[in-house]
Protein backbone atom coordinates (compact mmCIF):
# COMPACT_ATOMS: atom_id res chain seq x y z
CA UNK A 1 0.00 0.00 0.00
CA UNK A 2 2.81 2.42 0.88
CA UNK A 3 4.53 1.73 -2.43
CA UNK A 4 1.34 2.63 -4.31
CA UNK A 5 1.02 5.90 -2.37
CA UNK A 6 4.65 6.73 -3.14
CA UNK A 7 4.18 6.05 -6.85
CA UNK A 8 0.98 8.11 -7.02
CA UNK A 9 2.65 11.07 -5.29
CA UNK A 10 5.66 10.80 -7.64
CA UNK A 11 3.38 10.92 -10.70
CA UNK A 12 1.39 13.84 -9.23
CA UNK A 13 4.59 15.80 -8.60
CA UNK A 14 5.68 15.24 -12.20
CA UNK A 15 2.35 16.50 -13.50
CA UNK A 16 1.92 19.51 -11.19
CA UNK A 17 5.40 20.98 -11.38
CA UNK A 18 6.25 23.40 -14.21
CA UNK A 19 8.24 21.88 -17.10
CA UNK A 20 11.55 23.39 -16.01
CA UNK A 21 11.24 21.71 -12.55
CA UNK A 22 10.06 18.23 -13.57
CA UNK A 23 13.50 16.81 -12.97
CA UNK A 24 13.13 17.42 -9.20
CA UNK A 25 10.98 14.28 -8.49
CA UNK A 26 13.95 12.12 -9.57
CA UNK A 27 15.05 12.01 -5.93
CA UNK A 28 11.70 10.48 -4.92
CA UNK A 29 12.14 7.84 -7.62
CA UNK A 30 15.70 7.21 -6.39
CA UNK A 31 14.39 6.56 -2.85
CA UNK A 32 11.86 4.09 -4.34
CA UNK A 33 14.68 2.26 -6.15
CA UNK A 34 16.63 2.00 -2.88
CA UNK A 35 13.44 0.75 -1.21
CA UNK A 36 13.19 -1.99 -3.83
CA UNK A 37 16.81 -3.02 -3.24
CA UNK A 38 16.25 -3.15 0.53
CA UNK A 39 13.06 -5.19 0.07
CA UNK A 40 14.94 -7.62 -2.19
CA UNK A 41 17.68 -7.99 0.41
CA UNK A 42 15.14 -8.72 3.14
CA UNK A 43 13.95 -11.76 1.20
CA UNK A 44 17.31 -13.48 1.75
CA UNK A 45 17.82 -12.43 5.40
CA UNK A 46 16.06 -14.16 8.35
CA UNK A 47 13.38 -11.93 9.84
CA UNK A 48 14.72 -12.23 13.43
CA UNK A 49 18.36 -11.64 12.51
CA UNK A 50 20.16 -8.31 12.77
CA UNK A 51 20.47 -8.06 8.98
CA UNK A 52 16.76 -8.67 8.61
CA UNK A 53 15.84 -5.91 11.08
CA UNK A 54 18.23 -3.45 9.40
CA UNK A 55 16.84 -4.13 5.93
CA UNK A 56 13.26 -3.57 7.18
CA UNK A 57 14.30 -0.25 8.75
CA UNK A 58 15.94 0.74 5.47
CA UNK A 59 12.74 -0.16 3.61
CA UNK A 60 10.68 2.07 5.94
CA UNK A 61 13.11 4.98 5.77
CA UNK A 62 13.39 4.94 1.96
CA UNK A 63 9.63 4.63 1.49
CA UNK A 64 8.86 7.47 3.90
CA UNK A 65 11.64 9.61 2.36
CA UNK A 66 10.15 9.14 -1.11
CA UNK A 67 6.66 10.06 0.13
CA UNK A 68 7.97 13.05 2.12
CA UNK A 69 10.00 14.44 -0.81
CA UNK A 70 7.06 14.13 -3.21
CA UNK A 71 4.71 15.83 -0.74
CA UNK A 72 7.26 18.64 -0.29
CA UNK A 73 7.40 19.22 -4.06
CA UNK A 74 3.63 19.18 -4.44
CA UNK A 75 2.83 21.49 -1.52
CA UNK A 76 5.77 23.88 -1.57
CA UNK A 77 6.98 23.98 -5.20
CA UNK A 78 3.64 23.46 -6.97
CA UNK A 79 0.71 24.70 -4.85
CA UNK A 80 2.24 27.53 -2.74
CA UNK A 81 4.37 28.82 -5.61
CA UNK A 82 1.19 29.51 -7.61
CA UNK A 83 -0.74 31.08 -4.72
CA UNK A 84 2.00 33.34 -3.33
CA UNK A 85 3.04 36.60 -5.05
CA UNK A 86 6.64 35.43 -4.88
CA UNK A 87 8.15 31.94 -4.36
CA UNK A 88 9.43 30.90 -0.95
CA UNK A 89 13.11 31.79 -0.54
CA UNK A 90 15.57 29.02 -1.24
CA UNK A 91 16.80 28.95 2.35
CA UNK A 92 13.25 28.42 3.69
CA UNK A 93 12.67 25.57 1.25
CA UNK A 94 15.91 23.92 2.31
CA UNK A 95 14.97 24.14 6.00
CA UNK A 96 11.52 22.63 5.35
CA UNK A 97 13.06 19.81 3.36
CA UNK A 98 15.60 19.08 6.10
CA UNK A 99 12.72 19.04 8.59
CA UNK A 100 10.93 16.45 6.48
CA UNK A 101 13.97 14.17 6.52
CA UNK A 102 14.39 14.61 10.28
CA UNK A 103 10.74 13.63 10.79
CA UNK A 104 11.27 10.53 8.61
CA UNK A 105 14.35 9.60 10.63
CA UNK A 106 12.49 9.97 13.95
CA UNK A 107 9.62 7.78 12.72
CA UNK A 108 12.13 5.15 11.62
CA UNK A 109 13.88 5.24 15.02
CA UNK A 110 10.56 4.83 16.83
CA UNK A 111 9.75 1.83 14.60
CA UNK A 112 13.12 0.36 15.62
CA UNK A 113 12.16 0.66 19.30
CA UNK A 114 14.36 3.67 20.04
CA UNK A 115 12.61 6.52 21.89
CA UNK A 116 13.82 9.83 20.31
CA UNK A 117 13.35 11.78 23.57
CA UNK A 118 15.62 9.43 25.52
CA UNK A 119 18.17 9.59 22.73
CA UNK A 120 18.25 13.38 22.84
CA UNK A 121 18.45 13.41 26.65
CA UNK A 122 21.47 11.13 26.70
CA UNK A 123 23.31 13.16 24.04
CA UNK A 124 23.42 16.55 25.75
CA UNK A 125 27.20 16.62 25.67
CA UNK A 126 27.22 15.70 22.00
CA UNK A 127 24.67 18.43 21.31
CA UNK A 128 26.83 21.02 23.07
CA UNK A 129 29.90 19.97 21.11
CA UNK A 130 28.00 20.09 17.83
CA UNK A 131 26.51 23.50 18.72
CA UNK A 132 29.94 25.00 19.39
CA UNK A 133 31.46 23.53 16.26
CA UNK A 134 28.55 24.68 14.12
CA UNK A 135 28.30 28.14 15.68
CA UNK A 136 29.28 30.03 12.53
CA UNK A 137 27.16 27.79 10.33
CA UNK A 138 24.10 28.24 12.50
CA UNK A 139 24.77 31.99 12.69
CA UNK A 140 24.85 32.20 8.90
CA UNK A 141 21.65 30.17 8.68
CA UNK A 142 19.69 32.38 11.08
CA UNK A 143 21.15 35.51 9.44
CA UNK A 144 19.91 34.15 6.13
CA UNK A 145 16.45 33.71 7.63
CA UNK A 146 16.52 37.31 8.88
CA UNK A 147 17.57 38.55 5.45
CA UNK A 148 14.74 36.62 3.81
CA UNK A 149 12.23 37.99 6.32
CA UNK A 150 13.36 41.62 5.96
CA UNK A 151 14.11 41.34 2.21
CA UNK A 152 16.64 44.19 1.89
CA UNK A 153 17.50 42.73 -1.52
CA UNK A 154 16.54 39.88 -3.81
CA UNK A 155 18.03 37.98 -6.71
CA UNK A 156 18.78 40.39 -9.56
CA UNK A 157 19.42 43.45 -7.35
CA UNK A 158 22.71 45.36 -7.46
CA UNK A 159 24.06 45.86 -3.95
CA UNK A 160 27.18 47.04 -2.11
CA UNK A 161 27.84 45.65 1.36
CA UNK A 162 30.99 47.58 2.34
CA UNK A 163 32.96 50.68 1.35
CA UNK A 164 34.96 48.88 -1.35
CA UNK A 165 33.76 49.76 -4.83
CA UNK A 166 34.98 46.40 -6.13
CA UNK A 167 32.39 44.69 -3.92
CA UNK A 168 29.45 46.05 -5.90
CA UNK A 169 27.66 43.18 -7.59
CA UNK A 170 24.42 41.64 -8.79
CA UNK A 171 22.79 39.11 -6.45
CA UNK A 172 22.65 35.72 -8.17
CA UNK A 173 21.77 33.37 -5.29
CA UNK A 174 20.66 33.49 -1.64
CA UNK A 175 21.01 30.15 0.17
CA UNK A 176 21.03 29.03 3.80
CA UNK A 177 24.72 29.81 4.33
CA UNK A 178 25.79 32.61 2.00
CA UNK A 179 24.77 35.08 -0.71
CA UNK A 180 26.50 35.06 -4.09
CA UNK A 181 27.24 38.22 -6.10
CA UNK A 182 28.71 38.64 -9.54
CA UNK A 183 30.64 41.87 -10.09
CA UNK A 184 31.08 43.93 -13.23
CA UNK A 185 34.43 42.17 -13.70
CA UNK A 186 32.49 38.86 -13.88
CA UNK A 187 33.98 37.75 -10.56
CA UNK A 188 31.76 35.73 -8.21
CA UNK A 189 31.85 36.83 -4.56
CA UNK A 190 30.40 34.51 -1.91
CA UNK A 191 29.49 36.50 1.20
CA UNK A 192 28.44 34.68 4.41
CA UNK A 193 24.99 35.72 5.53
CA UNK A 194 26.35 36.56 8.97
CA UNK A 195 28.70 39.15 7.44
CA UNK A 196 25.84 40.64 5.41
CA UNK A 197 23.63 40.88 8.49
CA UNK A 198 26.31 43.00 10.22
CA UNK A 199 26.93 45.30 7.23
CA UNK A 200 25.23 48.39 5.86
CA UNK A 201 23.79 47.29 2.54
CA UNK A 202 23.32 49.76 -0.29
CA UNK A 203 20.71 48.59 -2.80
CA UNK A 204 21.00 50.32 -6.18
CA UNK A 205 17.91 48.58 -7.60
CA UNK A 206 15.32 49.65 -5.01
CA UNK A 207 12.94 51.31 -4.45
CA UNK A 208 13.33 51.98 -8.19
CA UNK A 209 15.85 51.19 -10.87
CA UNK A 210 16.76 54.87 -11.44
CA UNK A 211 20.02 55.84 -9.71
CA UNK A 212 22.07 59.04 -9.63
CA UNK A 213 25.69 59.20 -10.74
CA UNK A 214 28.18 62.06 -10.60
CA UNK A 215 31.05 63.34 -12.71
CA UNK A 216 33.61 65.79 -11.32
CA UNK A 217 35.54 68.24 -13.45
CA UNK A 218 37.78 71.24 -12.77
CA UNK A 219 38.06 74.58 -14.55
CA UNK A 220 40.41 77.57 -14.19
CA UNK A 221 39.41 80.30 -11.75
CA UNK A 222 39.17 82.94 -14.48
CA UNK A 223 36.26 81.12 -16.21
CA UNK A 224 32.95 82.25 -14.68
CA UNK A 225 30.65 79.67 -13.02
CA UNK A 226 27.68 80.74 -15.17
CA UNK A 227 29.57 79.97 -18.36
CA UNK A 228 30.74 76.61 -17.05
CA UNK A 229 27.29 75.61 -15.76
CA UNK A 230 25.66 76.19 -19.13
CA UNK A 231 28.34 74.30 -21.07
CA UNK A 232 28.53 71.31 -18.71
CA UNK A 233 24.75 71.02 -18.41
CA UNK A 234 24.24 70.93 -22.17
CA UNK A 235 27.06 68.40 -22.65
CA UNK A 236 25.78 65.96 -19.99
CA UNK A 237 22.17 66.16 -21.19
CA UNK A 238 23.18 64.94 -24.64
CA UNK A 239 25.27 61.97 -23.42
CA UNK A 240 23.80 58.55 -24.33
CA UNK A 241 22.13 56.72 -21.46
CA UNK A 242 21.46 59.85 -19.37
CA UNK A 243 17.79 60.26 -18.43
CA UNK A 244 15.94 63.49 -19.15
CA UNK A 245 13.84 63.06 -15.98
CA UNK A 246 15.05 63.61 -13.29
CA UNK A 247 16.99 66.44 -14.95
CA UNK A 248 20.75 66.87 -15.04
CA UNK A 249 22.13 69.39 -12.55
CA UNK A 250 25.50 71.09 -12.16
CA UNK A 251 26.78 72.46 -8.85
CA UNK A 252 29.87 74.40 -7.90
CA UNK A 253 31.41 72.24 -5.17
CA UNK A 254 34.36 74.37 -4.11
CA UNK A 255 37.72 75.89 -4.89
CA UNK A 256 40.83 73.70 -4.90
CA UNK A 257 44.45 73.88 -5.91
CA UNK A 258 43.38 72.66 -9.35
CA UNK A 259 40.79 75.40 -9.79
CA UNK A 260 37.01 75.57 -9.40
CA UNK A 261 35.48 72.13 -8.84
CA UNK A 262 32.17 71.35 -10.59
CA UNK A 263 30.01 68.27 -10.01
CA UNK A 264 27.66 67.10 -12.76
CA UNK A 265 24.81 65.00 -11.34
CA UNK A 266 22.81 62.80 -13.74
CA UNK A 267 20.49 59.81 -13.54
CA UNK A 268 20.62 56.42 -15.25
CA UNK A 269 18.12 53.56 -15.36
CA UNK A 270 20.27 50.47 -15.86
CA UNK A 271 22.85 50.23 -13.07
CA UNK A 272 24.69 47.52 -14.99
CA UNK A 273 25.70 50.15 -17.58
CA UNK A 274 26.87 52.75 -15.05
CA UNK A 275 30.52 52.67 -16.14
CA UNK A 276 29.91 53.07 -19.92
CA UNK A 277 27.36 55.86 -19.32
CA UNK A 278 29.65 57.71 -16.90
CA UNK A 279 32.48 57.36 -19.41
CA UNK A 280 30.27 58.86 -22.13
CA UNK A 281 29.44 61.80 -19.85
CA UNK A 282 33.12 62.48 -19.19
CA UNK A 283 33.79 62.31 -22.94
CA UNK A 284 31.11 64.93 -23.63
CA UNK A 285 32.47 67.17 -20.86
CA UNK A 286 35.95 67.03 -22.40
CA UNK A 287 34.65 68.05 -25.82
CA UNK A 288 32.61 70.87 -24.27
CA UNK A 289 35.73 72.22 -22.52
CA UNK A 290 37.71 71.92 -25.74
CA UNK A 291 35.10 73.94 -27.68
CA UNK A 292 35.22 76.64 -25.00
CA UNK A 293 39.02 76.62 -25.28
CA UNK A 294 39.13 76.13 -21.51
CA UNK A 295 41.99 73.88 -20.36
CA UNK A 296 41.35 71.30 -17.66
CA UNK A 297 43.81 72.33 -14.94
CA UNK A 298 46.12 69.93 -13.15
CA UNK A 299 47.47 70.36 -9.60
CA UNK A 300 50.29 72.85 -9.73
CA UNK A 301 52.62 74.23 -7.12
CA UNK A 302 54.97 76.87 -8.39
CA UNK A 303 56.56 80.12 -7.37
CA UNK A 304 56.30 82.96 -9.84
CA UNK A 305 58.69 85.87 -9.64
CA UNK A 306 57.83 88.78 -11.87
CA UNK A 307 59.77 91.94 -12.17
CA UNK A 308 57.57 94.54 -13.78
CA UNK A 309 58.88 97.90 -14.82
CA UNK A 310 57.08 101.10 -13.92
CA UNK A 311 56.26 101.59 -17.57
CA UNK A 312 54.46 98.23 -17.73
CA UNK A 313 52.44 98.99 -14.58
CA UNK A 314 51.41 102.31 -16.04
CA UNK A 315 50.44 100.71 -19.35
CA UNK A 316 48.22 98.07 -17.66
CA UNK A 317 46.51 100.71 -15.53
CA UNK A 318 45.93 102.95 -18.56
CA UNK A 319 44.34 100.12 -20.54
CA UNK A 320 41.93 99.34 -17.71
CA UNK A 321 41.11 103.05 -17.27
CA UNK A 322 40.47 103.45 -21.01
CA UNK A 323 38.03 100.55 -20.94
CA UNK A 324 36.14 102.04 -18.02
CA UNK A 325 36.20 105.50 -19.66
CA UNK A 326 34.46 104.17 -22.77
CA UNK A 327 31.69 102.79 -20.54
CA UNK A 328 31.31 106.06 -18.57
CA UNK A 329 31.05 108.09 -21.79
CA UNK A 330 27.79 106.26 -22.60
CA UNK A 331 26.03 107.56 -19.43
CA UNK A 332 23.92 110.60 -20.26
CA UNK A 333 24.20 112.67 -17.07
CA UNK A 334 27.97 112.09 -16.87
CA UNK A 335 28.39 113.64 -20.31
CA UNK A 336 28.08 117.03 -18.60
CA UNK A 337 31.44 116.45 -16.91
CA UNK A 338 34.64 117.73 -18.50
CA UNK A 339 36.81 115.10 -20.14
CA UNK A 340 39.52 115.34 -17.50
CA UNK A 341 36.96 114.85 -14.71
CA UNK A 342 35.43 111.87 -16.54
CA UNK A 343 38.92 110.41 -16.93
CA UNK A 344 39.53 110.78 -13.21
CA UNK A 345 36.23 108.98 -12.48
CA UNK A 346 37.27 106.12 -14.77
CA UNK A 347 40.55 105.83 -12.89
CA UNK A 348 38.78 105.61 -9.53
CA UNK A 349 35.89 103.36 -10.59
CA UNK A 350 35.71 99.83 -9.24
CA UNK A 351 34.59 96.77 -11.26
CA UNK A 352 32.25 94.21 -9.68
CA UNK A 353 30.73 91.00 -11.06
CA UNK A 354 27.27 89.61 -10.13
CA UNK A 355 25.92 86.14 -10.85
CA UNK A 356 22.54 85.58 -12.57
CA UNK A 357 19.71 86.08 -10.06
CA UNK A 358 21.91 87.94 -7.57
CA UNK A 359 20.64 91.25 -6.19
CA UNK A 360 22.82 94.33 -6.69
CA UNK A 361 20.68 96.68 -4.58
CA UNK A 362 17.43 96.31 -2.63
CA UNK A 363 14.45 98.65 -2.63
CA UNK A 364 14.30 100.90 0.44
CA UNK A 365 17.96 100.47 1.38
CA UNK A 366 20.19 103.49 1.81
CA UNK A 367 23.22 103.71 -0.43
CA UNK A 368 26.09 105.93 -1.46
CA UNK A 369 27.13 104.14 -4.66
CA UNK A 370 25.95 104.26 -8.25
CA UNK A 371 26.41 101.54 -10.87
CA UNK A 372 27.09 101.60 -14.61
CA UNK A 373 26.53 98.36 -16.54
CA UNK A 374 29.64 97.37 -18.43
CA UNK A 375 28.49 93.94 -19.56
CA UNK A 376 25.34 91.87 -19.00
CA UNK A 377 21.73 92.74 -18.20
CA UNK A 378 19.81 93.55 -15.00
CA UNK A 379 16.13 93.76 -14.14
CA UNK A 380 14.39 96.59 -12.26
CA UNK A 381 12.18 94.98 -9.60
CA UNK A 382 9.47 96.97 -7.78
CA UNK A 383 7.68 95.77 -4.64
CA UNK A 384 3.93 96.35 -4.92
CA UNK A 385 1.42 94.94 -2.45
CA UNK A 386 3.93 92.43 -1.06
CA UNK A 387 4.71 91.20 -4.59
CA UNK A 388 7.85 91.88 -6.58
CA UNK A 389 7.27 92.87 -10.22
CA UNK A 390 9.72 93.17 -13.08
CA UNK A 391 9.18 96.63 -14.58
CA UNK A 392 12.21 97.24 -16.78
CA UNK A 393 15.54 95.88 -18.01
CA UNK A 394 18.84 97.75 -18.16
CA UNK A 395 21.70 96.91 -20.51
CA UNK A 396 25.35 97.95 -21.07
CA UNK A 397 25.86 101.72 -20.95
CA UNK A 398 22.89 102.32 -18.64
CA UNK A 399 23.21 103.20 -14.97
CA UNK A 400 21.20 102.92 -11.74
CA UNK A 401 21.51 104.16 -8.17
CA UNK A 402 22.52 107.69 -9.24
CA UNK A 403 19.83 109.40 -7.16
CA UNK A 404 21.07 107.73 -3.99
CA UNK A 405 24.69 108.68 -4.60
CA UNK A 406 23.80 112.28 -5.53
CA UNK A 407 21.05 113.02 -2.98
CA UNK A 408 21.23 110.22 -0.39
CA UNK A 409 17.60 109.16 -0.90
CA UNK A 410 16.69 105.46 -0.37
CA UNK A 411 16.72 103.06 -3.29
CA UNK A 412 13.46 103.36 -5.21
CA UNK A 413 13.65 99.83 -6.68
CA UNK A 414 15.59 96.59 -6.44
CA UNK A 415 18.07 95.64 -9.12
CA UNK A 416 18.74 91.96 -9.85
CA UNK A 417 21.16 90.51 -12.40
CA UNK A 418 19.45 88.63 -15.23
CA UNK A 419 22.68 87.34 -16.74
CA UNK A 420 26.22 87.47 -15.44
CA UNK A 421 26.75 91.22 -15.08
CA UNK A 422 29.86 93.38 -14.83
CA UNK A 423 29.28 96.86 -13.36
CA UNK A 424 31.42 99.92 -12.64
CA UNK A 425 30.88 101.34 -9.14
CA UNK A 426 31.27 105.04 -8.22
CA UNK A 427 30.91 106.16 -4.62
CA UNK A 428 29.80 109.41 -2.98
CA UNK A 429 33.28 110.25 -1.72
CA UNK A 430 34.69 110.06 -5.24
CA UNK A 431 32.05 112.48 -6.53
CA UNK A 432 32.53 114.85 -3.61
CA UNK A 433 36.28 115.17 -4.09
CA UNK A 434 35.93 115.83 -7.79
CA UNK A 435 32.88 118.12 -7.66
CA UNK A 436 34.48 120.38 -5.06
CA UNK A 437 37.06 121.22 -7.73
CA UNK A 438 34.47 121.56 -10.51
CA UNK A 439 31.50 123.30 -8.94
CA UNK A 440 30.05 124.54 -12.19
CA UNK A 441 28.93 121.12 -13.45
CA UNK A 442 26.47 120.43 -10.64
CA UNK A 443 23.73 122.56 -12.18
CA UNK A 444 23.97 120.68 -15.49
CA UNK A 445 23.92 117.33 -13.66
CA UNK A 446 20.90 118.38 -11.61
CA UNK A 447 18.93 119.26 -14.76
CA UNK A 448 19.67 115.86 -16.36
CA UNK A 449 18.90 113.97 -13.17
CA UNK A 450 15.64 115.86 -12.68
CA UNK A 451 14.51 114.84 -16.16
CA UNK A 452 15.55 111.22 -15.61
CA UNK A 453 13.88 111.22 -12.21
CA UNK A 454 10.61 112.37 -13.75
CA UNK A 455 10.81 109.70 -16.49
CA UNK A 456 11.40 107.00 -13.90
CA UNK A 457 8.42 108.19 -11.85
CA UNK A 458 6.20 108.09 -14.92
CA UNK A 459 7.38 104.54 -15.77
CA UNK A 460 7.36 103.10 -12.29
CA UNK A 461 4.66 105.07 -10.46
CA UNK A 462 2.43 105.75 -13.46
CA UNK A 463 -0.73 105.29 -11.44
CA UNK A 464 0.06 108.36 -9.33
CA UNK A 465 -0.78 110.91 -11.98
CA UNK A 466 -0.78 113.85 -9.57
CA UNK A 467 2.82 113.39 -8.44
CA UNK A 468 4.68 116.67 -8.45
CA UNK A 469 7.47 117.07 -10.98
CA UNK A 470 10.98 117.28 -9.55
CA UNK A 471 12.40 120.74 -10.27
CA UNK A 472 16.11 121.05 -11.20
CA UNK A 473 16.59 123.86 -8.67
CA UNK A 474 15.09 121.73 -5.88
CA UNK A 475 17.21 118.77 -6.88
CA UNK A 476 20.31 120.98 -7.02
CA UNK A 477 19.70 122.11 -3.43
CA UNK A 478 19.37 118.49 -2.33
CA UNK A 479 22.64 117.60 -4.05
CA UNK A 480 24.41 120.57 -2.42
CA UNK A 481 23.04 119.62 0.97
CA UNK A 482 24.04 115.97 0.60
CA UNK A 483 27.57 116.78 -0.53
CA UNK A 484 27.89 119.66 1.98
CA UNK A 485 29.31 122.02 -0.63
CA UNK A 486 28.75 125.73 -1.01
CA UNK A 487 28.03 126.71 -4.60
CA UNK A 488 27.15 129.95 -6.39
CA UNK A 489 23.49 130.55 -7.21
CA UNK A 490 22.18 128.77 -10.29
CA UNK A 491 22.31 130.44 -13.69
CA UNK A 492 19.37 132.66 -14.75
CA UNK A 493 17.07 131.02 -17.25
């Protein structure tokens, strides 16, 4: 009867298992073959002899082992595998199968007249010795169970379990003792589950397959960050394998002995291709730098000794002053100044650079400096009802902040750079020293400023139609009072 049950279960396992697993019932058939051999041997051995009792125990064990293995395949590998969202982990299946064989062995011992409880009680010392010798093995087994319960990774995930980049690999197998990874170099790493349980595991495949990578590049200090950001961003976006969403970003990380350090951050979908994609990004960055004619700096430590003659110093200063003079000559109210006074202003002017989006001045602040745009573009921002509105744009040759530097009144609007902007800065003290020697030009300046002041009011405060026009004489008195200078009365009209 038992043989018939074993055969029926073997046939059922063959039919219920998927085609790729139909070789698994071979072990059940093997146990049945061993059962047949034991049964044949029992025919030639006396029933009451030791050989006869051993052959009957072998028959029972092999028959029960065949039935137990077939039931395991039917319940675990066929029925549960179809009902569960994911198959039972390999380590859990191995433990269940070992439990089946232990149960078969205990039943066989009981049939032989041996009480399993008494056997275990008399082998306490043996159990302790085995426990100590198998400490690491049992630790790996329970760590494997914990990993399967928590599921920090699964087969097919790319993980890193320590700080070594070479130990990044794809999980190929998780068994009761260890986890196997295959690296990008096609090297198989077998990591004990106990070591994994004690490590911080980085999973590059979860919660989604999209991961971020970075590329670092350096540029000379004299190349502006805005120019570098635009070039590097465009180059990385066009590299093959780089995702459009999330977008590529470029950040300025810091300043080093090699120059300004930039980090390009981009996202990829297939972690397996991280090295080829990163290589393609670096290639595109190199070509972008080459088109800009910007060399990639290397670490340098050198001492430069320059001996400049006085003539060379004077020539460099004159060239810079000439450049600033050409910018000042474009400002309308400064055209009233004599050429020598304008030249002196160009010599004393200071050049400043502002990044896109950076504020140059803020509405309502006091100030004693005026600004002339040398290169770039700025926006005039006006605060109205707690909202900031863009009302105008200023370009090279135009100025702002002149009313504050000439009369001391608060800033009437905020100025924010739209693009990278270079401005010339003139302060109150510079004007005071020069105007005290050229008192006659103040009246001309006051007339131009009064006209510009009225135009600004009409453009910015156009809803206040009844605002009183600023008179040149009134503005002249304010300028005199602010600069604390005593001037002759204005010319008769």
